[in-house]
Amino acid sequence: MSDSNQENIFNLSNLIGFVSKNKIALSIIGVVAFIVSVIVCLSIPPKFKSTVILFPTSSGSVSQALITESQQKKEILNFGEEEEVEQLMQILLSSEIRNRIIEKYDLFRHYRINKDSKYANSQLYKKYESNVKISRTEYMSIKIEVLDESPDTAALIANDVAALVDSLYAKIQRERATKAFQIVEREFLAQKDKIKSIEDSLFALSKLGVIDVKSQSEMYSEQHAIAIASGNERARIEIEKKLDILATYGSSQSILKEQMFEEVKQLSVIEAKYREARIDMEQDLPNTYIVSPAEVADRKFYPIYWLTVSVSVLSTLLFSIVLLLLFDKYIKKKVNSSLNPSYRS
């Protein structure tokens, strides 16, 4: 065997022999690592996990889905698509939901963080983010995972986060729908006032005797001719007065009637928009489908004692073997150097 092979300390046979030679030391190290890891595991507070799985609903307008005949309307009973998932994710990760959970469950006290410390909020937010995980699944759903030392609290927080996202989503939609309704309502009321003004003008003209210009003109013209033919001077004068009124106000009355027709048509369009906006403002449909609510866990999620102890002992033994090998190589080099000054590693 060459010198290089003899000095290869990572050779399998040499390694087995080395471990066998140092089995007592390694056994002691393994036992100590086992005891220390067990003590550490027992000192770590166990944590329980609760999970909520939810889908966003379709973001289509309720009024358009139920009332309006539109080719582009969305079915309100469908699950939300990628856009709705992303919107819901942003709301779930918002500071408003986080702050409501912090306030409701007094997480400063629950996580044992001193409110008066310099970086209290940073510590709390970091702790919250490590215990409350929001993620998107491959099935276009959203998973809310909550870890806590109390299984009841973990389940309560997970369910509350799911409930808060629905109410916050509804609040945002309602604020927008309310502003839209107010805009449409102003237009609706303004249109009604415009029609009322035209009605008042037509009523004033009707009191002057201008009701239907065409039929009245024909009738008065016929009566005027009869009055002239019969020599009824008084009737002729009265009819001429009526004809003068028709001539003065007839065109205005015709214009007002045409305008009334157009404004009533416009009112029907605005009124439809008004009803839709009111439905959208008053709708109270859920914005999420919770397919799996959080339940109280009956066994801890973390730490897993056997896994933690096993990994700790194995990693300690491997590290110890590497150190012993390096130390053994160092000793051999020292011995060789003392016996043979011309030796080079």
C-alpha atoms as a PDB file:
ATOM      1  CA  MET A   1       0.000   0.000   0.000  1.00  0.00           C
ATOM      2  CA  SER A   2       1.397   3.420  -0.944  1.00  0.00           C
ATOM      3  CA  ASP A   3       2.202   6.132   1.582  1.00  0.00           C
ATOM      4  CA  SER A   4      -0.687   8.289   0.376  1.00  0.00           C
ATOM      5  CA  ASN A   5      -3.172   5.491   0.993  1.00  0.00           C
ATOM      6  CA  GLN A   6      -1.721   4.840   4.405  1.00  0.00           C
ATOM      7  CA  GLU A   7      -2.235   8.471   5.342  1.00  0.00           C
ATOM      8  CA  ASN A   8      -5.807   8.613   4.058  1.00  0.00           C
ATOM      9  CA  ILE A   9      -7.633   8.889   7.378  1.00  0.00           C
ATOM     10  CA  PHE A  10     -11.056   8.850   5.695  1.00  0.00           C
ATOM     11  CA  ASN A  11     -10.523   5.386   4.270  1.00  0.00           C
ATOM     12  CA  LEU A  12     -13.464   3.208   5.359  1.00  0.00           C
ATOM     13  CA  SER A  13     -11.371   0.467   6.973  1.00  0.00           C
ATOM     14  CA  ASN A  14      -9.220   3.003   8.790  1.00  0.00           C
ATOM     15  CA  LEU A  15     -12.343   4.858   9.896  1.00  0.00           C
ATOM     16  CA  ILE A  16     -13.955   1.696  11.307  1.00  0.00           C
ATOM     17  CA  GLY A  17     -10.727   0.831  13.082  1.00  0.00           C
ATOM     18  CA  PHE A  18     -10.450   4.357  14.447  1.00  0.00           C
ATOM     19  CA  VAL A  19     -14.003   4.286  15.774  1.00  0.00           C
ATOM     20  CA  SER A  20     -13.415   0.892  17.332  1.00  0.00           C
ATOM     21  CA  LYS A  21     -10.241   2.161  19.015  1.00  0.00           C
ATOM     22  CA  ASN A  22     -12.074   5.187  20.439  1.00  0.00           C
ATOM     23  CA  LYS A  23     -15.349   3.434  21.200  1.00  0.00           C
ATOM     24  CA  ILE A  24     -15.168   4.185  24.929  1.00  0.00           C
ATOM     25  CA  ALA A  25     -14.679   7.912  24.385  1.00  0.00           C
ATOM     26  CA  LEU A  26     -17.356   7.994  21.726  1.00  0.00           C
ATOM     27  CA  SER A  27     -19.735   6.036  23.955  1.00  0.00           C
ATOM     28  CA  ILE A  28     -19.246   8.538  26.753  1.00  0.00           C
ATOM     29  CA  ILE A  29     -19.784  11.439  24.336  1.00  0.00           C
ATOM     30  CA  GLY A  30     -22.932   9.747  22.983  1.00  0.00           C
ATOM     31  CA  VAL A  31     -24.357   9.198  26.457  1.00  0.00           C
ATOM     32  CA  VAL A  32     -23.619  12.789  27.457  1.00  0.00           C
ATOM     33  CA  ALA A  33     -25.174  14.076  24.215  1.00  0.00           C
ATOM     34  CA  PHE A  34     -28.239  11.909  24.832  1.00  0.00           C
ATOM     35  CA  ILE A  35     -28.685  13.217  28.380  1.00  0.00           C
ATOM     36  CA  VAL A  36     -28.140  16.844  27.349  1.00  0.00           C
ATOM     37  CA  SER A  37     -30.543  16.600  24.397  1.00  0.00           C
ATOM     38  CA  VAL A  38     -33.213  14.992  26.581  1.00  0.00           C
ATOM     39  CA  ILE A  39     -32.837  17.791  29.143  1.00  0.00           C
ATOM     40  CA  VAL A  40     -33.013  20.417  26.394  1.00  0.00           C
ATOM     41  CA  CYS A  41     -36.118  18.777  24.871  1.00  0.00           C
ATOM     42  CA  LEU A  42     -37.861  18.688  28.229  1.00  0.00           C
ATOM     43  CA  SER A  43     -37.056  22.367  28.756  1.00  0.00           C
ATOM     44  CA  ILE A  44     -38.624  23.380  25.407  1.00  0.00           C
ATOM     45  CA  PRO A  45     -42.342  24.206  25.804  1.00  0.00           C
ATOM     46  CA  PRO A  46     -44.349  21.929  23.507  1.00  0.00           C
ATOM     47  CA  LYS A  47     -46.341  23.565  20.735  1.00  0.00           C
ATOM     48  CA  PHE A  48     -49.626  22.465  19.191  1.00  0.00           C
ATOM     49  CA  LYS A  49     -50.722  23.188  15.633  1.00  0.00           C
ATOM     50  CA  SER A  50     -54.162  24.001  14.263  1.00  0.00           C
ATOM     51  CA  THR A  51     -54.908  24.492  10.570  1.00  0.00           C
ATOM     52  CA  VAL A  52     -57.664  26.193   8.574  1.00  0.00           C
ATOM     53  CA  ILE A  53     -58.141  25.561   4.848  1.00  0.00           C
ATOM     54  CA  LEU A  54     -60.256  28.082   2.962  1.00  0.00           C
ATOM     55  CA  PHE A  55     -61.076  29.133  -0.583  1.00  0.00           C
ATOM     56  CA  PRO A  56     -61.910  32.689  -1.682  1.00  0.00           C
ATOM     57  CA  THR A  57     -65.284  33.228  -3.304  1.00  0.00           C
ATOM     58  CA  SER A  58     -65.756  34.745  -6.726  1.00  0.00           C
ATOM     59  CA  SER A  59     -65.400  38.523  -6.637  1.00  0.00           C
ATOM     60  CA  GLY A  60     -68.226  39.132  -9.093  1.00  0.00           C
ATOM     61  CA  SER A  61     -70.875  41.705  -8.227  1.00  0.00           C
ATOM     62  CA  VAL A  62     -73.882  40.197  -6.467  1.00  0.00           C
ATOM     63  CA  SER A  63     -76.308  42.402  -8.386  1.00  0.00           C
ATOM     64  CA  GLN A  64     -74.748  41.469 -11.723  1.00  0.00           C
ATOM     65  CA  ALA A  65     -74.815  37.787 -10.832  1.00  0.00           C
ATOM     66  CA  LEU A  66     -78.434  37.806  -9.644  1.00  0.00           C
ATOM     67  CA  ILE A  67     -80.164  40.592 -11.592  1.00  0.00           C
ATOM     68  CA  THR A  68     -78.225  41.914 -14.571  1.00  0.00           C
ATOM     69  CA  GLU A  69     -78.214  39.941 -17.795  1.00  0.00           C
ATOM     70  CA  SER A  70     -74.520  40.194 -18.628  1.00  0.00           C
ATOM     71  CA  GLN A  71     -72.310  37.900 -20.669  1.00  0.00           C
ATOM     72  CA  GLN A  72     -69.339  38.775 -18.454  1.00  0.00           C
ATOM     73  CA  LYS A  73     -70.936  38.206 -15.072  1.00  0.00           C
ATOM     74  CA  LYS A  74     -69.305  35.817 -12.605  1.00  0.00           C
ATOM     75  CA  GLU A  75     -71.185  33.062 -10.840  1.00  0.00           C
ATOM     76  CA  ILE A  76     -71.191  33.960  -7.146  1.00  0.00           C
ATOM     77  CA  LEU A  77     -71.196  30.312  -6.055  1.00  0.00           C
ATOM     78  CA  ASN A  78     -67.893  29.548  -7.802  1.00  0.00           C
ATOM     79  CA  PHE A  79     -64.550  29.409  -6.035  1.00  0.00           C
ATOM     80  CA  GLY A  80     -62.278  32.381  -6.573  1.00  0.00           C
ATOM     81  CA  GLU A  81     -59.570  32.297  -9.204  1.00  0.00           C
ATOM     82  CA  GLU A  82     -55.896  33.255  -8.939  1.00  0.00           C
ATOM     83  CA  GLU A  83     -56.655  36.971  -8.661  1.00  0.00           C
ATOM     84  CA  GLU A  84     -58.996  36.434  -5.709  1.00  0.00           C
ATOM     85  CA  VAL A  85     -56.461  34.132  -4.006  1.00  0.00           C
ATOM     86  CA  GLU A  86     -53.762  36.801  -4.251  1.00  0.00           C
ATOM     87  CA  GLN A  87     -56.117  39.477  -2.928  1.00  0.00           C
ATOM     88  CA  LEU A  88     -57.104  37.304   0.016  1.00  0.00           C
ATOM     89  CA  MET A  89     -53.456  36.513   0.750  1.00  0.00           C
ATOM     90  CA  GLN A  90     -52.667  40.226   0.956  1.00  0.00           C
ATOM     91  CA  ILE A  91     -55.521  40.809   3.398  1.00  0.00           C
ATOM     92  CA  LEU A  92     -54.480  37.823   5.535  1.00  0.00           C
ATOM     93  CA  LEU A  93     -50.954  39.226   5.760  1.00  0.00           C
ATOM     94  CA  SER A  94     -52.173  42.740   6.559  1.00  0.00           C
ATOM     95  CA  SER A  95     -51.211  44.537   9.749  1.00  0.00           C
ATOM     96  CA  GLU A  96     -54.887  45.098  10.625  1.00  0.00           C
ATOM     97  CA  ILE A  97     -55.586  41.390  11.079  1.00  0.00           C
ATOM     98  CA  ARG A  98     -52.297  40.892  12.921  1.00  0.00           C
ATOM     99  CA  ASN A  99     -53.007  43.805  15.282  1.00  0.00           C
ATOM    100  CA  ARG A 100     -56.553  42.598  16.002  1.00  0.00           C
ATOM    101  CA  ILE A 101     -55.255  39.142  16.951  1.00  0.00           C
ATOM    102  CA  ILE A 102     -52.516  40.700  19.098  1.00  0.00           C
ATOM    103  CA  GLU A 103     -55.057  42.846  20.915  1.00  0.00           C
ATOM    104  CA  LYS A 104     -57.705  40.163  21.360  1.00  0.00           C
ATOM    105  CA  TYR A 105     -55.344  37.519  22.771  1.00  0.00           C
ATOM    106  CA  ASP A 106     -52.974  39.950  24.546  1.00  0.00           C
ATOM    107  CA  LEU A 107     -50.017  38.359  22.795  1.00  0.00           C
ATOM    108  CA  PHE A 108     -47.493  40.533  24.653  1.00  0.00           C
ATOM    109  CA  ARG A 109     -48.426  38.711  27.833  1.00  0.00           C
ATOM    110  CA  HIS A 110     -49.098  35.400  26.102  1.00  0.00           C
ATOM    111  CA  TYR A 111     -45.660  35.361  24.448  1.00  0.00           C
ATOM    112  CA  ARG A 112     -44.036  36.748  27.614  1.00  0.00           C
ATOM    113  CA  ILE A 113     -42.679  39.891  25.928  1.00  0.00           C
ATOM    114  CA  ASN A 114     -42.107  43.040  27.974  1.00  0.00           C
ATOM    115  CA  LYS A 115     -44.097  45.888  26.443  1.00  0.00           C
ATOM    116  CA  ASP A 116     -41.623  48.430  27.805  1.00  0.00           C
ATOM    117  CA  SER A 117     -38.569  46.862  26.194  1.00  0.00           C
ATOM    118  CA  LYS A 118     -36.818  48.775  23.414  1.00  0.00           C
ATOM    119  CA  TYR A 119     -37.751  46.425  20.575  1.00  0.00           C
ATOM    120  CA  ALA A 120     -40.993  45.040  22.015  1.00  0.00           C
ATOM    121  CA  ASN A 121     -43.019  45.408  18.829  1.00  0.00           C
ATOM    122  CA  SER A 122     -40.301  43.906  16.639  1.00  0.00           C
ATOM    123  CA  GLN A 123     -40.013  40.927  18.979  1.00  0.00           C
ATOM    124  CA  LEU A 124     -43.768  40.460  19.028  1.00  0.00           C
ATOM    125  CA  TYR A 125     -44.160  40.683  15.237  1.00  0.00           C
ATOM    126  CA  LYS A 126     -41.303  38.209  14.730  1.00  0.00           C
ATOM    127  CA  LYS A 127     -42.884  35.806  17.228  1.00  0.00           C
ATOM    128  CA  TYR A 128     -46.282  36.202  15.593  1.00  0.00           C
ATOM    129  CA  GLU A 129     -44.884  35.515  12.117  1.00  0.00           C
ATOM    130  CA  SER A 130     -43.085  32.408  13.367  1.00  0.00           C
ATOM    131  CA  ASN A 131     -46.281  31.047  14.934  1.00  0.00           C
ATOM    132  CA  VAL A 132     -48.870  32.142  12.341  1.00  0.00           C
ATOM    133  CA  LYS A 133     -48.113  30.893   8.840  1.00  0.00           C
ATOM    134  CA  ILE A 134     -50.212  31.870   5.809  1.00  0.00           C
ATOM    135  CA  SER A 135     -49.514  29.955   2.611  1.00  0.00           C
ATOM    136  CA  ARG A 136     -51.122  29.219  -0.726  1.00  0.00           C
ATOM    137  CA  THR A 137     -51.679  25.601  -1.677  1.00  0.00           C
ATOM    138  CA  GLU A 138     -51.376  23.993  -5.090  1.00  0.00           C
ATOM    139  CA  TYR A 139     -55.169  23.654  -5.223  1.00  0.00           C
ATOM    140  CA  MET A 140     -55.797  27.454  -5.207  1.00  0.00           C
ATOM    141  CA  SER A 141     -56.770  27.374  -1.555  1.00  0.00           C
ATOM    142  CA  ILE A 142     -55.164  29.155   1.405  1.00  0.00           C
ATOM    143  CA  LYS A 143     -53.776  27.418   4.469  1.00  0.00           C
ATOM    144  CA  ILE A 144     -53.628  29.136   7.869  1.00  0.00           C
ATOM    145  CA  GLU A 145     -51.359  27.312  10.333  1.00  0.00           C
ATOM    146  CA  VAL A 146     -51.046  28.437  13.951  1.00  0.00           C
ATOM    147  CA  LEU A 147     -48.577  27.099  16.509  1.00  0.00           C
ATOM    148  CA  ASP A 148     -49.088  27.755  20.201  1.00  0.00           C
ATOM    149  CA  GLU A 149     -48.239  26.276  23.570  1.00  0.00           C
ATOM    150  CA  SER A 150     -51.980  25.975  24.212  1.00  0.00           C
ATOM    151  CA  PRO A 151     -53.934  23.734  21.811  1.00  0.00           C
ATOM    152  CA  ASP A 152     -57.126  25.690  22.519  1.00  0.00           C
ATOM    153  CA  THR A 153     -55.476  29.040  21.782  1.00  0.00           C
ATOM    154  CA  ALA A 154     -53.948  27.711  18.554  1.00  0.00           C
ATOM    155  CA  ALA A 155     -57.383  26.628  17.297  1.00  0.00           C
ATOM    156  CA  LEU A 156     -59.045  29.873  18.410  1.00  0.00           C
ATOM    157  CA  ILE A 157     -56.447  32.079  16.721  1.00  0.00           C
ATOM    158  CA  ALA A 158     -56.595  30.084  13.471  1.00  0.00           C
ATOM    159  CA  ASN A 159     -60.401  30.308  13.314  1.00  0.00           C
ATOM    160  CA  ASP A 160     -60.361  33.993  14.255  1.00  0.00           C
ATOM    161  CA  VAL A 161     -57.861  34.823  11.505  1.00  0.00           C
ATOM    162  CA  ALA A 162     -60.191  33.118   9.011  1.00  0.00           C
ATOM    163  CA  ALA A 163     -63.186  35.024  10.384  1.00  0.00           C
ATOM    164  CA  LEU A 164     -61.346  38.349  10.414  1.00  0.00           C
ATOM    165  CA  VAL A 165     -60.255  38.050   6.798  1.00  0.00           C
ATOM    166  CA  ASP A 166     -63.890  37.565   5.790  1.00  0.00           C
ATOM    167  CA  SER A 167     -65.093  40.583   7.781  1.00  0.00           C
ATOM    168  CA  LEU A 168     -62.194  42.779   6.635  1.00  0.00           C
ATOM    169  CA  TYR A 169     -62.752  41.766   3.007  1.00  0.00           C
ATOM    170  CA  ALA A 170     -66.461  42.579   3.429  1.00  0.00           C
ATOM    171  CA  LYS A 171     -65.602  45.924   5.032  1.00  0.00           C
ATOM    172  CA  ILE A 172     -63.386  46.911   2.090  1.00  0.00           C
ATOM    173  CA  GLN A 173     -66.058  45.868  -0.403  1.00  0.00           C
ATOM    174  CA  ARG A 174     -68.792  47.646   1.544  1.00  0.00           C
ATOM    175  CA  GLU A 175     -66.820  50.896   1.704  1.00  0.00           C
ATOM    176  CA  ARG A 176     -66.334  50.842  -2.055  1.00  0.00           C
ATOM    177  CA  ALA A 177     -69.939  49.781  -2.708  1.00  0.00           C
ATOM    178  CA  THR A 178     -71.229  52.530  -0.398  1.00  0.00           C
ATOM    179  CA  LYS A 179     -69.313  55.218  -2.273  1.00  0.00           C
ATOM    180  CA  ALA A 180     -70.537  53.822  -5.594  1.00  0.00           C
ATOM    181  CA  PHE A 181     -74.115  53.791  -4.257  1.00  0.00           C
ATOM    182  CA  GLN A 182     -73.823  57.399  -3.103  1.00  0.00           C
ATOM    183  CA  ILE A 183     -72.662  58.456  -6.585  1.00  0.00           C
ATOM    184  CA  VAL A 184     -75.527  56.629  -8.290  1.00  0.00           C
ATOM    185  CA  GLU A 185     -78.007  57.887  -5.686  1.00  0.00           C
ATOM    186  CA  ARG A 186     -77.037  61.502  -6.384  1.00  0.00           C
ATOM    187  CA  GLU A 187     -77.542  60.938 -10.104  1.00  0.00           C
ATOM    188  CA  PHE A 188     -80.853  59.169  -9.465  1.00  0.00           C
ATOM    189  CA  LEU A 189     -82.188  61.955  -7.258  1.00  0.00           C
ATOM    190  CA  ALA A 190     -80.923  64.625  -9.667  1.00  0.00           C
ATOM    191  CA  GLN A 191     -82.693  62.887 -12.535  1.00  0.00           C
ATOM    192  CA  LYS A 192     -85.925  62.703 -10.544  1.00  0.00           C
ATOM    193  CA  ASP A 193     -85.634  66.415  -9.753  1.00  0.00           C
ATOM    194  CA  LYS A 194     -85.119  67.163 -13.436  1.00  0.00           C
ATOM    195  CA  ILE A 195     -88.237  65.202 -14.356  1.00  0.00           C
ATOM    196  CA  LYS A 196     -90.175  66.902 -11.560  1.00  0.00           C
ATOM    197  CA  SER A 197     -89.130  70.289 -12.954  1.00  0.00           C
ATOM    198  CA  ILE A 198     -90.382  69.311 -16.418  1.00  0.00           C
ATOM    199  CA  GLU A 199     -93.633  68.025 -14.904  1.00  0.00           C
ATOM    200  CA  ASP A 200     -94.118  71.336 -13.111  1.00  0.00           C
ATOM    201  CA  SER A 201     -93.566  73.230 -16.364  1.00  0.00           C
ATOM    202  CA  LEU A 202     -96.035  71.013 -18.221  1.00  0.00           C
ATOM    203  CA  PHE A 203     -98.533  71.459 -15.394  1.00  0.00           C
ATOM    204  CA  ALA A 204     -98.170  75.228 -15.592  1.00  0.00           C
ATOM    205  CA  LEU A 205     -98.764  75.088 -19.355  1.00  0.00           C
ATOM    206  CA  SER A 206    -101.786  72.857 -18.840  1.00  0.00           C
ATOM    207  CA  LYS A 207    -103.286  75.477 -16.550  1.00  0.00           C
ATOM    208  CA  LEU A 208    -102.907  77.917 -19.443  1.00  0.00           C
ATOM    209  CA  GLY A 209    -104.763  75.436 -21.592  1.00  0.00           C
ATOM    210  CA  VAL A 210    -101.812  73.975 -23.493  1.00  0.00           C
ATOM    211  CA  ILE A 211    -102.224  70.223 -23.239  1.00  0.00           C
ATOM    212  CA  ASP A 212    -101.887  68.664 -26.679  1.00  0.00           C
ATOM    213  CA  VAL A 213    -100.796  71.217 -29.268  1.00  0.00           C
ATOM    214  CA  LYS A 214    -101.614  69.180 -32.372  1.00  0.00           C
ATOM    215  CA  SER A 215    -105.118  68.044 -31.435  1.00  0.00           C
ATOM    216  CA  GLN A 216    -105.969  71.393 -29.821  1.00  0.00           C
ATOM    217  CA  SER A 217    -104.782  73.311 -32.886  1.00  0.00           C
ATOM    218  CA  GLU A 218    -106.968  71.222 -35.142  1.00  0.00           C
ATOM    219  CA  MET A 219    -109.984  71.564 -32.857  1.00  0.00           C
ATOM    220  CA  TYR A 220    -109.579  75.350 -32.318  1.00  0.00           C
ATOM    221  CA  SER A 221    -109.041  75.949 -36.035  1.00  0.00           C
ATOM    222  CA  GLU A 222    -112.280  74.096 -36.835  1.00  0.00           C
ATOM    223  CA  GLN A 223    -114.213  76.006 -34.130  1.00  0.00           C
ATOM    224  CA  HIS A 224    -112.700  79.296 -35.306  1.00  0.00           C
ATOM    225  CA  ALA A 225    -113.953  78.672 -38.827  1.00  0.00           C
ATOM    226  CA  ILE A 226    -117.422  77.807 -37.531  1.00  0.00           C
ATOM    227  CA  ALA A 227    -117.523  80.966 -35.387  1.00  0.00           C
ATOM    228  CA  ILE A 228    -116.584  83.150 -38.378  1.00  0.00           C
ATOM    229  CA  ALA A 229    -119.120  81.423 -40.603  1.00  0.00           C
ATOM    230  CA  SER A 230    -121.903  81.842 -38.033  1.00  0.00           C
ATOM    231  CA  GLY A 231    -120.923  85.418 -37.244  1.00  0.00           C
ATOM    232  CA  ASN A 232    -120.364  84.644 -33.567  1.00  0.00           C
ATOM    233  CA  GLU A 233    -117.918  87.437 -32.781  1.00  0.00           C
ATOM    234  CA  ARG A 234    -117.561  86.591 -29.114  1.00  0.00           C
ATOM    235  CA  ALA A 235    -116.706  82.942 -29.808  1.00  0.00           C
ATOM    236  CA  ARG A 236    -114.255  84.017 -32.509  1.00  0.00           C
ATOM    237  CA  ILE A 237    -112.382  86.294 -30.068  1.00  0.00           C
ATOM    238  CA  GLU A 238    -112.214  83.595 -27.387  1.00  0.00           C
ATOM    239  CA  ILE A 239    -110.936  80.989 -29.809  1.00  0.00           C
ATOM    240  CA  GLU A 240    -108.343  83.391 -31.194  1.00  0.00           C
ATOM    241  CA  LYS A 241    -107.063  84.002 -27.668  1.00  0.00           C
ATOM    242  CA  LYS A 242    -106.645  80.233 -27.227  1.00  0.00           C
ATOM    243  CA  LEU A 243    -104.906  79.994 -30.589  1.00  0.00           C
ATOM    244  CA  ASP A 244    -102.557  82.797 -29.538  1.00  0.00           C
ATOM    245  CA  ILE A 245    -101.701  80.899 -26.353  1.00  0.00           C
ATOM    246  CA  LEU A 246    -101.040  77.756 -28.381  1.00  0.00           C
ATOM    247  CA  ALA A 247     -98.844  79.736 -30.754  1.00  0.00           C
ATOM    248  CA  THR A 248     -96.911  81.251 -27.849  1.00  0.00           C
ATOM    249  CA  TYR A 249     -96.420  78.153 -25.708  1.00  0.00           C
ATOM    250  CA  GLY A 250     -97.096  75.280 -28.067  1.00  0.00           C
ATOM    251  CA  SER A 251     -93.508  74.785 -29.194  1.00  0.00           C
ATOM    252  CA  SER A 252     -92.280  74.881 -25.594  1.00  0.00           C
ATOM    253  CA  GLN A 253     -94.856  72.288 -24.602  1.00  0.00           C
ATOM    254  CA  SER A 254     -93.824  70.002 -27.481  1.00  0.00           C
ATOM    255  CA  ILE A 255     -90.156  70.337 -26.549  1.00  0.00           C
ATOM    256  CA  LEU A 256     -90.922  69.612 -22.901  1.00  0.00           C
ATOM    257  CA  LYS A 257     -92.897  66.493 -23.784  1.00  0.00           C
ATOM    258  CA  GLU A 258     -90.076  65.157 -25.938  1.00  0.00           C
ATOM    259  CA  GLN A 259     -87.597  66.005 -23.216  1.00  0.00           C
ATOM    260  CA  MET A 260     -89.800  64.274 -20.662  1.00  0.00           C
ATOM    261  CA  PHE A 261     -89.829  61.118 -22.783  1.00  0.00           C
ATOM    262  CA  GLU A 262     -86.018  61.056 -23.018  1.00  0.00           C
ATOM    263  CA  GLU A 263     -85.494  61.888 -19.347  1.00  0.00           C
ATOM    264  CA  VAL A 264     -87.878  59.125 -18.240  1.00  0.00           C
ATOM    265  CA  LYS A 265     -85.918  56.647 -20.360  1.00  0.00           C
ATOM    266  CA  GLN A 266     -82.705  57.872 -18.746  1.00  0.00           C
ATOM    267  CA  LEU A 267     -84.307  57.604 -15.317  1.00  0.00           C
ATOM    268  CA  SER A 268     -85.140  53.924 -15.895  1.00  0.00           C
ATOM    269  CA  VAL A 269     -81.478  53.238 -16.730  1.00  0.00           C
ATOM    270  CA  ILE A 270     -80.215  55.114 -13.679  1.00  0.00           C
ATOM    271  CA  GLU A 271     -82.844  53.464 -11.481  1.00  0.00           C
ATOM    272  CA  ALA A 272     -81.578  50.018 -12.562  1.00  0.00           C
ATOM    273  CA  LYS A 273     -78.047  51.088 -11.641  1.00  0.00           C
ATOM    274  CA  TYR A 274     -79.385  52.451  -8.365  1.00  0.00           C
ATOM    275  CA  ARG A 275     -80.983  49.108  -7.472  1.00  0.00           C
ATOM    276  CA  GLU A 276     -77.804  47.223  -8.376  1.00  0.00           C
ATOM    277  CA  ALA A 277     -75.623  49.563  -6.316  1.00  0.00           C
ATOM    278  CA  ARG A 278     -77.984  49.235  -3.365  1.00  0.00           C
ATOM    279  CA  ILE A 279     -77.879  45.432  -3.528  1.00  0.00           C
ATOM    280  CA  ASP A 280     -74.069  45.495  -3.682  1.00  0.00           C
ATOM    281  CA  MET A 281     -73.946  47.826  -0.693  1.00  0.00           C
ATOM    282  CA  GLU A 282     -76.356  45.795   1.427  1.00  0.00           C
ATOM    283  CA  GLN A 283     -75.172  42.297   0.413  1.00  0.00           C
ATOM    284  CA  ASP A 284     -73.877  40.154   3.259  1.00  0.00           C
ATOM    285  CA  LEU A 285     -72.596  37.060   1.467  1.00  0.00           C
ATOM    286  CA  PRO A 286     -69.438  35.351   2.789  1.00  0.00           C
ATOM    287  CA  ASN A 287     -66.205  36.085   0.958  1.00  0.00           C
ATOM    288  CA  THR A 288     -64.544  32.782   1.844  1.00  0.00           C
ATOM    289  CA  TYR A 289     -65.437  29.101   1.874  1.00  0.00           C
ATOM    290  CA  ILE A 290     -63.942  27.427   4.942  1.00  0.00           C
ATOM    291  CA  VAL A 291     -63.590  23.790   3.938  1.00  0.00           C
ATOM    292  CA  SER A 292     -61.573  22.749   6.997  1.00  0.00           C
ATOM    293  CA  PRO A 293     -61.955  24.769  10.212  1.00  0.00           C
ATOM    294  CA  ALA A 294     -59.301  24.568  12.909  1.00  0.00           C
ATOM    295  CA  GLU A 295     -59.686  21.880  15.558  1.00  0.00           C
ATOM    296  CA  VAL A 296     -58.059  21.552  18.952  1.00  0.00           C
ATOM    297  CA  ALA A 297     -54.973  19.349  18.544  1.00  0.00           C
ATOM    298  CA  ASP A 298     -54.802  16.313  20.841  1.00  0.00           C
ATOM    299  CA  ARG A 299     -51.034  15.848  20.479  1.00  0.00           C
ATOM    300  CA  LYS A 300     -48.118  18.229  20.311  1.00  0.00           C
ATOM    301  CA  PHE A 301     -46.576  19.198  16.984  1.00  0.00           C
ATOM    302  CA  TYR A 302     -43.197  20.307  18.329  1.00  0.00           C
ATOM    303  CA  PRO A 303     -40.750  19.173  19.607  1.00  0.00           C
ATOM    304  CA  ILE A 304     -40.654  15.542  18.434  1.00  0.00           C
ATOM    305  CA  TYR A 305     -38.504  14.073  21.210  1.00  0.00           C
ATOM    306  CA  TRP A 306     -37.191  10.957  19.492  1.00  0.00           C
ATOM    307  CA  LEU A 307     -36.259  12.854  16.334  1.00  0.00           C
ATOM    308  CA  THR A 308     -34.635  15.733  18.204  1.00  0.00           C
ATOM    309  CA  VAL A 309     -32.645  13.403  20.472  1.00  0.00           C
ATOM    310  CA  SER A 310     -31.585  11.175  17.563  1.00  0.00           C
ATOM    311  CA  VAL A 311     -30.404  14.084  15.416  1.00  0.00           C
ATOM    312  CA  SER A 312     -28.593  15.673  18.361  1.00  0.00           C
ATOM    313  CA  VAL A 313     -26.763  12.459  19.338  1.00  0.00           C
ATOM    314  CA  LEU A 314     -25.817  11.557  15.750  1.00  0.00           C
ATOM    315  CA  SER A 315     -24.602  15.055  14.901  1.00  0.00           C
ATOM    316  CA  THR A 316     -22.578  15.180  18.134  1.00  0.00           C
ATOM    317  CA  LEU A 317     -20.982  11.796  17.414  1.00  0.00           C
ATOM    318  CA  LEU A 318     -20.105  12.766  13.841  1.00  0.00           C
ATOM    319  CA  PHE A 319     -18.607  16.041  14.978  1.00  0.00           C
ATOM    320  CA  SER A 320     -16.641  14.244  17.709  1.00  0.00           C
ATOM    321  CA  ILE A 321     -15.281  11.694  15.211  1.00  0.00           C
ATOM    322  CA  VAL A 322     -14.090  14.485  12.915  1.00  0.00           C
ATOM    323  CA  LEU A 323     -12.374  16.263  15.811  1.00  0.00           C
ATOM    324  CA  LEU A 324     -10.726  13.055  17.039  1.00  0.00           C
ATOM    325  CA  LEU A 325      -9.521  12.258  13.518  1.00  0.00           C
ATOM    326  CA  LEU A 326      -7.998  15.689  13.145  1.00  0.00           C
ATOM    327  CA  PHE A 327      -6.433  15.465  16.566  1.00  0.00           C
ATOM    328  CA  ASP A 328      -5.046  11.996  15.785  1.00  0.00           C
ATOM    329  CA  LYS A 329      -3.558  13.239  12.520  1.00  0.00           C
ATOM    330  CA  TYR A 330      -2.004  16.166  14.333  1.00  0.00           C
ATOM    331  CA  ILE A 331      -0.418  13.868  16.942  1.00  0.00           C
ATOM    332  CA  LYS A 332       0.956  11.550  14.238  1.00  0.00           C
ATOM    333  CA  LYS A 333       2.536  14.481  12.429  1.00  0.00           C
ATOM    334  CA  LYS A 334       4.155  15.650  15.663  1.00  0.00           C
ATOM    335  CA  VAL A 335       5.540  12.177  16.354  1.00  0.00           C
ATOM    336  CA  ASN A 336       6.852  11.772  12.781  1.00  0.00           C
ATOM    337  CA  SER A 337       8.449  15.180  12.914  1.00  0.00           C
ATOM    338  CA  SER A 338      10.260  14.372  16.142  1.00  0.00           C
ATOM    339  CA  LEU A 339      11.499  10.977  14.881  1.00  0.00           C
ATOM    340  CA  ASN A 340      12.413  12.142  11.356  1.00  0.00           C
ATOM    341  CA  PRO A 341      13.275  15.875  11.046  1.00  0.00           C
ATOM    342  CA  SER A 342      13.252  15.586   7.243  1.00  0.00           C
ATOM    343  CA  TYR A 343       9.593  14.362   7.284  1.00  0.00           C
ATOM    344  CA  ARG A 344       7.156  16.511   5.319  1.00  0.00           C
ATOM    345  CA  SER A 345       3.438  16.171   5.559  1.00  0.00           C
END
